[in-house]
Amino acid sequence: MPLDALCLHAVVEELRPRIVGTRIDKVQQPARDQVILLLRKDRLLLNAGANSPRIHLTAQLRDNPAQPPMFCMLLRKHLTGGKLIALDQPGLERVVELTFEVTTELGEPGVRKLVLEAMGRRSNLILLDGEGRIVDCMRRVDAEMSPLRQVLPGLYYRLPPAPEGKESLIEATEESFREAFGRANPEKTVDGWLLERFFGLSPLTAREISCRCGAERLFELGGDGAGRLWNEIVQLQDTIRENHFTPTAIKRDGKFVDFSYREILQYGADVEQAVYGSFSELMDDFYEERERQDRVRQRGQDIIRTVTTARDRVARKIALQEKDYAATKDRDQLRICGDLITANLYRMEKGMPSFTTENFYDEACGPITIPLDPLLTPQQNAAKFYKRYNKTKTAERYLAEQLTKGRGELSYLESVLEEIGRAESEQDFMEIRSELRQAGYLRRQSGERKEMKRPASRPREFRSSAGMRILVGRNNRQNDALTTKEADRRDLWFHTQKIHGSHVILCTQGREPDRQSMMEAAMLAAWFSQASGGQNVPVDYTPVKFVKKPAGAQPGMVVYETYQTVYVTPEETLAKKLEVRR
């Protein structure tokens, strides 16, 4: 769900005692819509993205671009070393104000404000000076974009206008509530009317109130419907005033569906609910997968399009070649036609469109009609059939080679799409682009700057329950290096059976690995593969010395004959538990 005003209030109340009074050590902007303030040991994330605007502490480490964006440089200039002295939410708006004591360029004490407007597609992050003027913002809004409210450097900052005709949930009184209820259309749904009447509510909360009242439409509430509905509003007001919030994740089949500040009854037994220790932990987990998908969509859009186009082209080519290859299997019929014409030359003459004779290659010697070219002599027609036969025999060998090559290329391109889906950092995408350029699928655009040479990224690292080191390749070139160069020949190599995925190395240091470590390595191989959402996934494992890379094979492609197979069910929680955080 989008972060509604109630959850935002809960987050602000949770953060205030922990971060107010701390100083900003660093400012980072890992993504276009994200800013991270490093406060002592805490990392405060402010996200102004349209799909996931929010504020919370984060434990996730995000890679930063080589060149910081201009807005990040501006925040560093004004806020680095500043002390956070206030954290506020005006009214019940989806707005958070962070106030800092800073030292200005002239060495004098000053004040700066950083305002997060967590309002869906209109979300923004705005820096204000001590007088309330806008220094700059993440998204500038001019008069053409919004005639009612501009957000531009130099203008005084104004809060977003409150929705017309709506009342603040926390300021509502029973008198105003009953008056509005009396004027309402009884056919309206309860949650729809609540959303029209109050600002600060999310659709989830409005549906929950409707569920707890036991009515879908207003007329179904019965005689004292207004009273029952008002009691639910009073409970919400008490929750806000007393700061009595419970971070609750709503999951279905182990995957996040929603989150709230209290137990949700509307879904019944269809979902599981998990209580977190803090909203920051909850939101870090909730948005992790969505954030990763957004990164892939934004950073990898061009290479996804390139690889998908190449994959589809190869797949079409393979389909045509398979059709042609199947046709070569009937080539003996061409030779038979040539033999029958040769055996019956004395019965034939030029100009015949076809010729019917007994097929002595058939046990029953049944009749066969052979189509002829009337412009050719019988001898020339026979030669034509023999020529087609020999050509088809050559084509079979050629098509077999091309099909093997094409299927290998298709498998490689599908593995690249898989690694793009698993990419996390800018370095990952750079390495994939470099791999595709080397393979000839990407060209450097004219005028494009040459990429800065960076150290190669390291494989993902995990520790088994017994403390054994487990390495997981991030992309095909890293899989190559990990398996063929870095791993000891006595280490164990894991890979999903006939399924695209990462190479996984269980580092044994020459010792016999325990069964639990082997199963955990196998589960990691299943998790970092196309079968991450499956069950009983087959994973092959063998000592590294038995894994070979064929000459001329694409990156990441290996062969092995000696192996054993285990069946495991991948678990995200296990991967997170075993991961070594750098």
Protein backbone atom coordinates (compact mmCIF):
# COMPACT_ATOMS: atom_id res chain seq x y z
CA MET A 1 0.00 0.00 0.00
CA PRO A 2 1.18 3.58 -0.33
CA LEU A 3 2.40 5.01 2.96
CA ASP A 4 -0.72 6.72 4.31
CA ALA A 5 -0.74 9.59 6.82
CA LEU A 6 -1.41 7.28 9.79
CA CYS A 7 1.55 4.99 9.05
CA LEU A 8 3.69 8.03 8.33
CA HIS A 9 2.72 9.45 11.72
CA ALA A 10 3.70 6.15 13.34
CA VAL A 11 7.08 6.19 11.57
CA VAL A 12 7.79 9.79 12.61
CA GLU A 13 6.94 9.03 16.24
CA GLU A 14 9.23 5.99 16.11
CA LEU A 15 12.14 7.91 14.55
CA ARG A 16 12.00 11.09 16.63
CA PRO A 17 13.56 9.82 19.89
CA ARG A 18 16.23 7.89 18.00
CA ILE A 19 17.56 10.40 15.49
CA VAL A 20 16.75 13.90 16.79
CA GLY A 21 19.97 15.37 18.19
CA THR A 22 22.26 13.46 15.82
CA ARG A 23 24.55 15.00 13.21
CA ILE A 24 24.80 14.25 9.51
CA ASP A 25 28.10 12.64 8.62
CA LYS A 26 27.40 12.03 4.93
CA VAL A 27 24.73 12.50 2.28
CA GLN A 28 24.25 9.94 -0.48
CA GLN A 29 21.87 9.67 -3.44
CA PRO A 30 22.05 6.06 -4.67
CA ALA A 31 19.04 6.44 -6.98
CA ARG A 32 17.19 9.24 -8.72
CA ASP A 33 14.43 9.39 -6.09
CA GLN A 34 16.41 8.38 -3.00
CA VAL A 35 18.53 10.27 -0.52
CA ILE A 36 20.30 8.66 2.43
CA LEU A 37 21.48 10.68 5.43
CA LEU A 38 24.17 8.95 7.47
CA LEU A 39 23.52 9.78 11.14
CA ARG A 40 26.03 8.22 13.56
CA LYS A 41 25.36 4.50 13.14
CA ASP A 42 21.98 4.99 11.46
CA ARG A 43 21.14 5.38 7.78
CA LEU A 44 18.01 7.48 7.23
CA LEU A 45 16.35 6.83 3.87
CA LEU A 46 14.12 9.45 2.27
CA ASN A 47 12.40 8.19 -0.87
CA ALA A 48 10.43 10.57 -3.09
CA GLY A 49 9.58 7.99 -5.77
CA ALA A 50 6.06 7.92 -7.15
CA ASN A 51 5.52 4.24 -6.26
CA SER A 52 7.15 4.08 -2.84
CA PRO A 53 7.51 7.47 -1.10
CA ARG A 54 8.63 6.95 2.50
CA ILE A 55 11.05 7.73 5.32
CA HIS A 56 12.67 5.17 7.59
CA LEU A 57 15.99 3.81 8.82
CA THR A 58 17.53 1.26 6.50
CA ALA A 59 20.05 -1.53 7.00
CA GLN A 60 20.44 -2.16 3.27
CA LEU A 61 23.65 -1.04 1.64
CA ARG A 62 23.10 0.69 -1.70
CA ASP A 63 25.73 1.44 -4.33
CA ASN A 64 26.23 5.08 -5.19
CA PRO A 65 26.86 6.43 -8.71
CA ALA A 66 30.44 7.35 -9.60
CA GLN A 67 29.34 10.97 -10.15
CA PRO A 68 26.97 12.29 -7.43
CA PRO A 69 23.83 14.02 -8.80
CA MET A 70 23.58 17.80 -8.48
CA PHE A 71 20.86 17.61 -5.82
CA CYS A 72 23.08 15.33 -3.73
CA MET A 73 25.95 17.82 -4.01
CA LEU A 74 23.61 20.61 -2.91
CA LEU A 75 22.47 18.65 0.16
CA ARG A 76 26.07 17.88 1.06
CA LYS A 77 26.94 21.56 0.86
CA HIS A 78 24.09 22.66 3.15
CA LEU A 79 23.55 19.71 5.51
CA THR A 80 26.83 17.85 6.10
CA GLY A 81 27.82 18.37 9.74
CA GLY A 82 24.38 19.77 10.56
CA LYS A 83 22.47 18.68 13.66
CA LEU A 84 18.91 17.37 13.35
CA ILE A 85 16.92 19.35 15.93
CA ALA A 86 13.31 18.56 14.96
CA LEU A 87 11.28 15.95 13.10
CA ASP A 88 7.64 16.90 12.49
CA GLN A 89 4.56 15.94 10.53
CA PRO A 90 2.29 18.96 9.99
CA GLY A 91 -1.24 17.94 10.94
CA LEU A 92 -2.06 14.60 9.43
CA GLU A 93 -0.52 15.44 6.07
CA ARG A 94 1.75 13.09 4.14
CA VAL A 95 4.57 15.54 4.74
CA VAL A 96 7.64 15.24 7.01
CA GLU A 97 9.83 18.20 7.96
CA LEU A 98 13.41 17.67 9.14
CA THR A 99 14.96 20.77 10.73
CA PHE A 100 18.74 21.11 11.02
CA GLU A 101 21.10 23.45 12.83
CA VAL A 102 23.93 24.18 10.39
CA THR A 103 26.93 26.42 9.94
CA THR A 104 26.56 28.64 6.89
CA GLU A 105 29.27 29.40 4.33
CA LEU A 106 30.08 32.54 6.30
CA GLY A 107 30.70 30.47 9.43
CA GLU A 108 27.51 31.71 11.13
CA PRO A 109 24.85 29.47 12.74
CA GLY A 110 21.82 28.88 10.57
CA VAL A 111 18.80 26.66 10.00
CA ARG A 112 17.89 24.45 7.06
CA LYS A 113 14.81 22.31 6.50
CA LEU A 114 14.45 19.22 4.38
CA VAL A 115 10.80 18.52 3.50
CA LEU A 116 9.62 15.13 2.24
CA GLU A 117 6.25 15.20 0.50
CA ALA A 118 5.20 11.53 0.33
CA MET A 119 2.26 12.07 -1.99
CA GLY A 120 2.36 9.43 -4.72
CA ARG A 121 3.23 10.78 -8.16
CA ARG A 122 3.51 14.30 -6.67
CA SER A 123 6.16 13.21 -4.16
CA ASN A 124 9.10 15.55 -3.73
CA LEU A 125 12.11 16.33 -1.56
CA ILE A 126 12.63 20.05 -0.95
CA LEU A 127 15.47 21.94 0.75
CA LEU A 128 14.51 25.22 2.51
CA ASP A 129 16.68 27.99 3.93
CA GLY A 130 16.19 29.63 7.33
CA GLU A 131 13.49 31.95 5.99
CA GLY A 132 11.40 29.18 4.46
CA ARG A 133 12.52 29.86 0.89
CA ILE A 134 13.15 26.95 -1.46
CA VAL A 135 16.87 26.44 -2.10
CA ASP A 136 16.16 23.63 -4.56
CA CYS A 137 14.10 20.45 -4.88
CA MET A 138 14.23 17.02 -6.42
CA ARG A 139 11.39 17.87 -8.83
CA ARG A 140 10.72 21.43 -9.86
CA VAL A 141 7.06 22.34 -10.45
CA ASP A 142 6.38 25.42 -12.59
CA ALA A 143 3.13 27.26 -13.34
CA GLU A 144 2.49 25.20 -16.45
CA MET A 145 2.64 21.99 -14.42
CA SER A 146 0.58 23.33 -11.51
CA PRO A 147 -1.06 26.79 -11.62
CA LEU A 148 -2.07 26.51 -7.94
CA ARG A 149 1.31 25.74 -6.34
CA GLN A 150 4.78 26.12 -7.78
CA VAL A 151 7.86 24.52 -6.26
CA LEU A 152 10.85 26.47 -7.57
CA PRO A 153 14.10 27.85 -6.11
CA GLY A 154 13.61 31.28 -4.55
CA LEU A 155 9.90 30.89 -3.80
CA TYR A 156 8.55 30.64 -0.26
CA TYR A 157 7.51 27.10 0.55
CA ARG A 158 3.82 26.39 1.08
CA LEU A 159 2.30 23.12 2.25
CA PRO A 160 0.25 21.24 -0.35
CA PRO A 161 -3.39 22.41 -0.21
CA ALA A 162 -5.69 20.20 1.87
CA PRO A 163 -8.24 18.22 -0.19
CA GLU A 164 -11.45 20.20 -0.61
CA GLY A 165 -14.47 18.95 1.29
CA LYS A 166 -12.42 16.64 3.48
CA GLU A 167 -11.87 16.81 7.22
CA SER A 168 -8.75 15.87 9.14
CA LEU A 169 -9.32 12.54 10.84
CA ILE A 170 -7.68 13.65 14.07
CA GLU A 171 -9.71 16.90 14.27
CA ALA A 172 -13.10 15.31 13.55
CA THR A 173 -15.83 15.69 16.19
CA GLU A 174 -18.86 13.51 16.75
CA GLU A 175 -21.18 16.40 15.89
CA SER A 176 -19.56 17.06 12.49
CA PHE A 177 -19.36 13.33 11.84
CA ARG A 178 -23.05 12.65 12.50
CA GLU A 179 -24.07 15.66 10.44
CA ALA A 180 -22.06 14.43 7.45
CA PHE A 181 -23.32 10.87 7.95
CA GLY A 182 -26.90 12.07 7.91
CA ARG A 183 -26.39 13.74 4.51
CA ALA A 184 -24.63 10.71 2.97
CA ASN A 185 -26.19 8.52 0.28
CA PRO A 186 -27.06 5.23 2.08
CA GLU A 187 -26.15 3.28 -1.07
CA LYS A 188 -22.52 4.37 -0.80
CA THR A 189 -19.95 1.87 0.39
CA VAL A 190 -18.64 2.49 3.90
CA ASP A 191 -14.99 2.63 2.83
CA GLY A 192 -15.80 4.88 -0.15
CA TRP A 193 -17.65 7.36 2.06
CA LEU A 194 -14.82 7.41 4.63
CA LEU A 195 -12.24 8.16 1.92
CA GLU A 196 -14.42 11.01 0.60
CA ARG A 197 -14.96 12.42 4.10
CA PHE A 198 -11.50 12.26 5.72
CA PHE A 199 -7.96 12.83 4.57
CA GLY A 200 -5.23 10.78 6.24
CA LEU A 201 -6.92 7.43 5.56
CA SER A 202 -5.70 4.82 3.12
CA PRO A 203 -8.03 2.45 1.23
CA LEU A 204 -6.73 -0.41 3.42
CA THR A 205 -7.67 1.41 6.65
CA ALA A 206 -11.08 2.45 5.26
CA ARG A 207 -11.84 -1.16 4.27
CA GLU A 208 -10.72 -2.34 7.70
CA ILE A 209 -13.16 0.03 9.42
CA SER A 210 -15.91 -1.24 7.14
CA CYS A 211 -14.99 -4.83 7.98
CA ARG A 212 -14.95 -4.20 11.72
CA CYS A 213 -18.39 -2.57 11.49
CA GLY A 214 -19.69 -5.64 9.63
CA ALA A 215 -21.23 -3.68 6.74
CA GLU A 216 -20.29 -3.02 3.14
CA ARG A 217 -22.77 -0.17 2.48
CA LEU A 218 -23.95 2.60 4.76
CA PHE A 219 -27.57 1.41 4.93
CA GLU A 220 -26.35 -2.02 6.12
CA LEU A 221 -25.01 -0.45 9.32
CA GLY A 222 -28.47 -0.46 10.83
CA GLY A 223 -30.15 1.87 13.32
CA ASP A 224 -27.11 2.99 15.26
CA GLY A 225 -24.77 2.78 12.26
CA ALA A 226 -23.40 6.26 12.83
CA GLY A 227 -22.52 5.40 16.42
CA ARG A 228 -20.70 2.18 15.51
CA LEU A 229 -18.78 3.91 12.76
CA TRP A 230 -17.90 6.85 15.03
CA ASN A 231 -16.56 4.43 17.68
CA GLU A 232 -14.08 3.09 15.09
CA ILE A 233 -12.99 6.66 14.28
CA VAL A 234 -12.53 7.39 18.02
CA GLN A 235 -10.33 4.28 18.37
CA LEU A 236 -8.16 5.54 15.52
CA GLN A 237 -7.91 8.97 17.13
CA ASP A 238 -6.90 7.37 20.44
CA THR A 239 -4.29 5.26 18.65
CA ILE A 240 -2.78 8.41 17.14
CA ARG A 241 -2.83 10.43 20.36
CA GLU A 242 -1.40 7.58 22.46
CA ASN A 243 1.08 6.55 19.75
CA HIS A 244 -0.09 2.96 20.07
CA PHE A 245 1.04 1.45 16.76
CA THR A 246 2.02 -2.13 15.90
CA PRO A 247 4.15 -2.63 12.74
CA THR A 248 2.32 -5.46 10.99
CA ALA A 249 3.27 -7.15 7.71
CA ILE A 250 0.58 -8.91 5.69
CA LYS A 251 1.82 -11.86 3.64
CA ARG A 252 0.29 -14.42 1.31
CA ASP A 253 2.25 -17.59 0.57
CA GLY A 254 5.26 -16.02 2.26
CA LYS A 255 5.24 -12.92 0.02
CA PHE A 256 4.42 -9.37 1.10
CA VAL A 257 0.94 -8.16 0.21
CA ASP A 258 0.59 -5.06 2.40
CA PHE A 259 1.52 -3.57 5.76
CA SER A 260 -0.29 -1.62 8.44
CA TYR A 261 -0.01 -0.10 11.91
CA ARG A 262 -2.35 -2.68 13.48
CA GLU A 263 -3.77 -6.16 13.00
CA ILE A 264 -5.87 -6.44 9.83
CA LEU A 265 -9.04 -8.58 9.95
CA GLN A 266 -10.51 -8.04 6.48
CA TYR A 267 -8.46 -10.79 4.77
CA GLY A 268 -9.36 -13.49 7.30
CA ALA A 269 -7.38 -16.71 7.03
CA ASP A 270 -6.23 -15.97 3.47
CA VAL A 271 -3.10 -14.20 4.72
CA GLU A 272 -0.47 -14.48 7.42
CA GLN A 273 0.43 -11.50 9.59
CA ALA A 274 3.85 -10.88 11.12
CA VAL A 275 4.61 -8.28 13.79
CA TYR A 276 7.94 -6.44 13.41
CA GLY A 277 10.04 -4.76 16.04
CA SER A 278 9.93 -1.43 14.18
CA PHE A 279 8.42 0.21 11.13
CA SER A 280 11.90 0.72 9.72
CA GLU A 281 12.59 -3.02 9.71
CA LEU A 282 9.16 -3.70 8.23
CA MET A 283 9.49 -1.18 5.42
CA ASP A 284 13.08 -2.21 4.66
CA ASP A 285 11.88 -5.77 4.04
CA PHE A 286 8.64 -4.77 2.30
CA TYR A 287 10.24 -2.52 -0.30
CA GLU A 288 13.42 -4.53 -0.88
CA GLU A 289 12.12 -6.67 -3.77
CA ARG A 290 10.15 -3.82 -5.34
CA GLU A 291 13.21 -1.57 -5.15
CA ARG A 292 15.38 -4.19 -6.79
CA GLN A 293 12.87 -4.57 -9.64
CA ASP A 294 12.77 -0.79 -10.07
CA ARG A 295 16.57 -0.68 -10.26
CA VAL A 296 16.56 -3.38 -12.93
CA ARG A 297 13.83 -1.59 -14.86
CA GLN A 298 15.56 1.79 -14.73
CA ARG A 299 19.22 0.83 -15.11
CA GLY A 300 18.85 -2.26 -17.25
CA GLN A 301 16.07 -1.18 -19.61
CA ASP A 302 18.36 -0.78 -22.61
CA ILE A 303 20.17 -4.09 -22.18
CA ILE A 304 16.92 -5.95 -21.43
CA ARG A 305 15.53 -4.66 -24.73
CA THR A 306 18.70 -5.57 -26.62
CA VAL A 307 18.97 -9.07 -25.16
CA THR A 308 15.23 -9.77 -25.55
CA THR A 309 15.35 -8.73 -29.22
CA ALA A 310 18.39 -10.92 -29.84
CA ARG A 311 16.81 -13.85 -27.99
CA ASP A 312 13.56 -13.62 -29.98
CA ARG A 313 15.50 -13.38 -33.25
CA VAL A 314 17.54 -16.49 -32.42
CA ALA A 315 14.40 -18.37 -31.32
CA ARG A 316 12.68 -17.60 -34.68
CA LYS A 317 15.78 -18.69 -36.56
CA ILE A 318 15.92 -21.97 -34.63
CA ALA A 319 12.23 -22.66 -35.37
CA LEU A 320 12.83 -22.26 -39.15
CA GLN A 321 15.97 -24.39 -39.03
CA GLU A 322 14.17 -27.14 -37.13
CA LYS A 323 11.49 -27.17 -39.82
CA ASP A 324 14.13 -27.43 -42.55
CA TYR A 325 16.01 -30.08 -40.58
CA ALA A 326 12.87 -32.19 -40.23
CA ALA A 327 12.40 -31.99 -44.01
CA THR A 328 15.89 -33.43 -44.59
CA LYS A 329 14.81 -36.63 -42.83
CA ASP A 330 12.63 -37.50 -45.85
CA ARG A 331 15.47 -37.20 -48.36
CA ASP A 332 15.53 -40.97 -49.14
CA GLN A 333 12.31 -40.44 -51.08
CA LEU A 334 14.24 -38.18 -53.48
CA ARG A 335 16.83 -40.89 -54.15
CA ILE A 336 14.09 -43.47 -54.69
CA CYS A 337 12.38 -41.23 -57.24
CA GLY A 338 15.71 -40.83 -59.10
CA ASP A 339 16.28 -44.61 -59.08
CA LEU A 340 12.77 -45.37 -60.37
CA ILE A 341 13.08 -42.84 -63.20
CA THR A 342 16.47 -44.30 -64.19
CA ALA A 343 15.03 -47.84 -64.19
CA ASN A 344 12.11 -46.78 -66.43
CA LEU A 345 13.82 -44.49 -68.95
CA TYR A 346 12.64 -46.70 -71.84
CA ARG A 347 9.00 -46.07 -70.81
CA MET A 348 9.30 -42.30 -70.52
CA GLU A 349 9.54 -39.37 -72.90
CA LYS A 350 10.14 -35.62 -72.61
CA GLY A 351 7.11 -33.50 -71.79
CA MET A 352 5.43 -35.87 -69.31
CA PRO A 353 4.11 -33.95 -66.20
CA SER A 354 4.29 -37.11 -64.05
CA PHE A 355 5.05 -40.79 -64.24
CA THR A 356 3.39 -43.71 -62.42
CA THR A 357 5.28 -46.96 -61.88
CA GLU A 358 5.72 -49.82 -59.41
CA ASN A 359 7.87 -48.94 -56.37
CA PHE A 360 10.27 -51.87 -56.10
CA TYR A 361 11.60 -50.41 -52.82
CA ASP A 362 8.19 -51.14 -51.32
CA GLU A 363 7.61 -54.73 -50.15
CA ALA A 364 4.14 -54.71 -51.76
CA CYS A 365 5.49 -53.05 -54.93
CA GLY A 366 2.63 -50.59 -54.81
CA PRO A 367 2.25 -47.88 -57.44
CA ILE A 368 3.94 -44.48 -56.99
CA THR A 369 3.38 -41.27 -58.95
CA ILE A 370 6.49 -39.17 -59.48
CA PRO A 371 6.07 -35.46 -60.38
CA LEU A 372 8.24 -34.41 -63.36
CA ASP A 373 9.36 -31.18 -65.02
CA PRO A 374 7.89 -31.32 -68.56
CA LEU A 375 10.68 -29.11 -69.88
CA LEU A 376 13.35 -31.64 -68.91
CA THR A 377 14.23 -35.04 -70.38
CA PRO A 378 13.76 -38.18 -68.22
CA GLN A 379 17.52 -38.30 -67.63
CA GLN A 380 17.54 -34.65 -66.53
CA ASN A 381 14.60 -35.27 -64.17
CA ALA A 382 16.48 -38.17 -62.58
CA ALA A 383 19.60 -36.02 -62.22
CA LYS A 384 17.47 -33.30 -60.60
CA PHE A 385 16.21 -35.72 -57.93
CA TYR A 386 19.76 -36.98 -57.22
CA LYS A 387 21.04 -33.40 -56.94
CA ARG A 388 18.27 -32.50 -54.48
CA TYR A 389 19.09 -35.65 -52.48
CA ASN A 390 22.78 -34.79 -52.18
CA LYS A 391 21.99 -31.17 -51.36
CA THR A 392 19.58 -32.23 -48.60
CA LYS A 393 22.17 -34.63 -47.16
CA THR A 394 24.67 -31.75 -46.93
CA ALA A 395 21.98 -29.46 -45.50
CA GLU A 396 21.27 -31.96 -42.72
CA ARG A 397 24.86 -31.79 -41.49
CA TYR A 398 24.97 -28.00 -41.83
CA LEU A 399 21.59 -27.51 -40.08
CA ALA A 400 22.63 -29.84 -37.24
CA GLU A 401 25.69 -27.66 -36.64
CA GLN A 402 23.66 -24.45 -36.86
CA LEU A 403 21.00 -25.77 -34.49
CA THR A 404 23.62 -26.72 -31.91
CA LYS A 405 25.17 -23.28 -32.21
CA GLY A 406 21.80 -21.51 -32.13
CA ARG A 407 20.56 -23.40 -29.08
CA GLY A 408 23.79 -22.55 -27.28
CA GLU A 409 23.32 -18.88 -28.15
CA LEU A 410 19.68 -18.97 -27.02
CA SER A 411 20.69 -20.57 -23.74
CA TYR A 412 23.36 -17.90 -23.24
CA LEU A 413 20.95 -15.01 -23.91
CA GLU A 414 18.40 -16.47 -21.49
CA SER A 415 21.14 -16.73 -18.87
CA VAL A 416 21.97 -13.04 -19.44
CA LEU A 417 18.32 -12.10 -18.89
CA GLU A 418 18.42 -14.11 -15.68
CA GLU A 419 21.53 -12.29 -14.45
CA ILE A 420 19.99 -8.90 -15.35
CA GLY A 421 17.04 -9.79 -13.14
CA ARG A 422 19.45 -10.53 -10.29
CA ALA A 423 21.62 -7.42 -10.78
CA GLU A 424 21.69 -5.10 -7.78
CA SER A 425 24.34 -2.45 -8.24
CA GLU A 426 25.58 -0.11 -10.94
CA GLN A 427 28.74 -2.21 -11.11
CA ASP A 428 26.65 -5.31 -11.92
CA PHE A 429 25.01 -3.55 -14.86
CA MET A 430 28.35 -2.20 -16.11
CA GLU A 431 29.83 -5.69 -16.12
CA ILE A 432 26.82 -7.11 -17.99
CA ARG A 433 27.08 -4.32 -20.58
CA SER A 434 30.80 -5.03 -20.97
CA GLU A 435 30.06 -8.73 -21.43
CA LEU A 436 27.46 -7.99 -24.12
CA ARG A 437 29.81 -5.61 -25.93
CA GLN A 438 32.52 -8.24 -25.94
CA ALA A 439 30.03 -10.78 -27.31
CA GLY A 440 28.97 -8.35 -30.05
CA TYR A 441 25.39 -7.70 -28.90
CA LEU A 442 25.99 -4.08 -27.83
CA ARG A 443 27.86 -1.34 -29.62
CA ARG A 444 29.30 1.78 -28.10
CA GLN A 445 27.23 4.72 -29.29
CA SER A 446 28.97 7.57 -31.11
CA GLY A 447 29.82 10.28 -28.64
CA GLU A 448 29.39 7.92 -25.67
CA ARG A 449 32.10 8.42 -23.09
CA LYS A 450 34.39 5.53 -22.39
CA GLU A 451 33.47 3.85 -19.13
CA MET A 452 35.77 4.38 -16.20
CA LYS A 453 37.72 1.26 -15.42
CA ARG A 454 36.61 -0.05 -12.05
CA PRO A 455 37.75 -3.04 -10.03
CA ALA A 456 35.71 -6.12 -10.86
CA SER A 457 32.90 -6.77 -8.40
CA ARG A 458 33.25 -9.66 -6.00
CA PRO A 459 30.91 -12.65 -5.89
CA ARG A 460 28.15 -12.71 -3.30
CA GLU A 461 29.53 -14.24 -0.12
CA PHE A 462 27.69 -16.40 2.43
CA ARG A 463 28.62 -18.41 5.50
CA SER A 464 26.98 -21.75 6.17
CA SER A 465 25.63 -22.62 9.59
CA ALA A 466 28.90 -24.48 10.20
CA GLY A 467 30.96 -21.44 9.14
CA MET A 468 32.00 -22.66 5.69
CA ARG A 469 32.43 -20.01 3.00
CA ILE A 470 29.99 -20.07 0.06
CA LEU A 471 30.52 -17.92 -3.04
CA VAL A 472 27.81 -17.14 -5.61
CA GLY A 473 28.56 -15.64 -9.04
CA ARG A 474 26.74 -12.44 -10.01
CA ASN A 475 27.00 -12.77 -13.80
CA ASN A 476 28.34 -15.07 -16.52
CA ARG A 477 31.86 -13.64 -16.60
CA GLN A 478 32.07 -13.83 -12.83
CA ASN A 479 30.75 -17.42 -12.96
CA ASP A 480 33.60 -18.20 -15.36
CA ALA A 481 36.25 -16.65 -13.14
CA LEU A 482 34.83 -18.19 -9.98
CA THR A 483 34.68 -21.74 -11.36
CA THR A 484 37.70 -21.92 -13.64
CA LYS A 485 40.22 -19.64 -11.87
CA GLU A 486 39.38 -18.78 -8.27
CA ALA A 487 37.92 -22.01 -6.86
CA ASP A 488 40.17 -24.75 -5.53
CA ARG A 489 39.83 -28.01 -7.47
CA ARG A 490 38.75 -29.70 -4.20
CA ASP A 491 35.90 -27.22 -3.59
CA LEU A 492 32.34 -28.28 -4.41
CA TRP A 493 30.53 -26.73 -7.38
CA PHE A 494 26.72 -26.40 -7.34
CA HIS A 495 24.29 -25.51 -10.13
CA THR A 496 20.60 -26.07 -10.84
CA GLN A 497 20.05 -28.97 -13.21
CA LYS A 498 19.19 -27.77 -16.75
CA ILE A 499 18.00 -24.43 -15.31
CA HIS A 500 19.76 -21.10 -15.74
CA GLY A 501 21.37 -19.83 -12.56
CA SER A 502 24.53 -18.77 -10.78
CA HIS A 503 27.59 -20.93 -10.18
CA VAL A 504 27.93 -21.64 -6.45
CA ILE A 505 31.17 -22.70 -4.81
CA LEU A 506 31.36 -24.29 -1.36
CA CYS A 507 34.91 -23.61 -0.18
CA THR A 508 36.08 -26.78 1.60
CA GLN A 509 39.78 -25.91 2.18
CA GLY A 510 40.50 -29.58 1.52
CA ARG A 511 38.18 -30.76 4.31
CA GLU A 512 35.12 -32.98 4.06
CA PRO A 513 32.08 -30.62 4.12
CA ASP A 514 29.23 -31.31 6.51
CA ARG A 515 25.82 -32.25 5.12
CA GLN A 516 24.12 -29.07 6.36
CA SER A 517 26.62 -26.81 4.57
CA MET A 518 26.13 -28.78 1.35
CA MET A 519 22.34 -28.44 1.58
CA GLU A 520 22.63 -24.71 2.27
CA ALA A 521 24.91 -24.26 -0.75
CA ALA A 522 22.39 -26.19 -2.86
CA MET A 523 19.54 -23.98 -1.60
CA LEU A 524 21.53 -20.88 -2.53
CA ALA A 525 22.09 -22.31 -6.02
CA ALA A 526 18.33 -22.82 -6.32
CA TRP A 527 17.55 -19.32 -4.95
CA PHE A 528 19.92 -17.59 -7.38
CA SER A 529 18.37 -19.26 -10.43
CA GLN A 530 15.25 -19.17 -12.58
CA ALA A 531 13.70 -21.70 -10.17
CA SER A 532 13.85 -19.35 -7.15
CA GLY A 533 10.07 -19.60 -6.68
CA GLY A 534 9.86 -23.38 -7.11
CA GLN A 535 9.91 -26.43 -4.84
CA ASN A 536 12.03 -29.59 -4.94
CA VAL A 537 14.47 -27.94 -7.37
CA PRO A 538 17.15 -30.36 -8.69
CA VAL A 539 20.67 -29.10 -7.97
CA ASP A 540 23.75 -30.88 -9.30
CA TYR A 541 26.99 -30.79 -7.34
CA THR A 542 30.49 -32.08 -8.02
CA PRO A 543 34.10 -31.25 -7.15
CA VAL A 544 35.38 -28.30 -9.18
CA LYS A 545 38.01 -30.52 -10.83
CA PHE A 546 35.24 -32.27 -12.81
CA VAL A 547 33.80 -29.01 -14.24
CA LYS A 548 35.26 -28.02 -17.63
CA LYS A 549 34.71 -25.08 -19.97
CA PRO A 550 34.61 -26.11 -23.66
CA ALA A 551 36.90 -24.19 -26.01
CA GLY A 552 35.07 -21.23 -27.57
CA ALA A 553 32.01 -21.57 -25.29
CA GLN A 554 30.05 -18.51 -24.21
CA PRO A 555 30.79 -17.04 -20.75
CA GLY A 556 29.32 -19.12 -17.95
CA MET A 557 28.91 -22.27 -20.07
CA VAL A 558 30.53 -25.41 -18.63
CA VAL A 559 30.20 -29.19 -18.94
CA TYR A 560 30.43 -31.91 -16.31
CA GLU A 561 29.75 -35.65 -16.32
CA THR A 562 30.52 -36.84 -12.79
CA TYR A 563 27.98 -35.39 -10.37
CA GLN A 564 25.28 -36.05 -7.78
CA THR A 565 21.87 -34.40 -7.47
CA VAL A 566 19.91 -33.14 -4.47
CA TYR A 567 16.40 -31.67 -4.40
CA VAL A 568 15.89 -28.53 -2.34
CA THR A 569 13.30 -25.78 -1.85
CA PRO A 570 14.87 -22.29 -2.03
CA GLU A 571 14.20 -19.90 0.87
CA GLU A 572 14.77 -16.15 0.80
CA THR A 573 15.03 -16.02 4.60
CA LEU A 574 17.91 -18.51 4.55
CA ALA A 575 19.76 -16.47 1.90
CA LYS A 576 19.43 -13.31 4.01
CA LYS A 577 20.47 -15.15 7.16
CA LEU A 578 23.64 -16.60 5.63
CA GLU A 579 24.70 -13.51 3.63
CA VAL A 580 27.92 -11.80 4.65
CA ARG A 581 27.33 -8.03 4.72
CA ARG A 582 30.32 -6.01 3.56
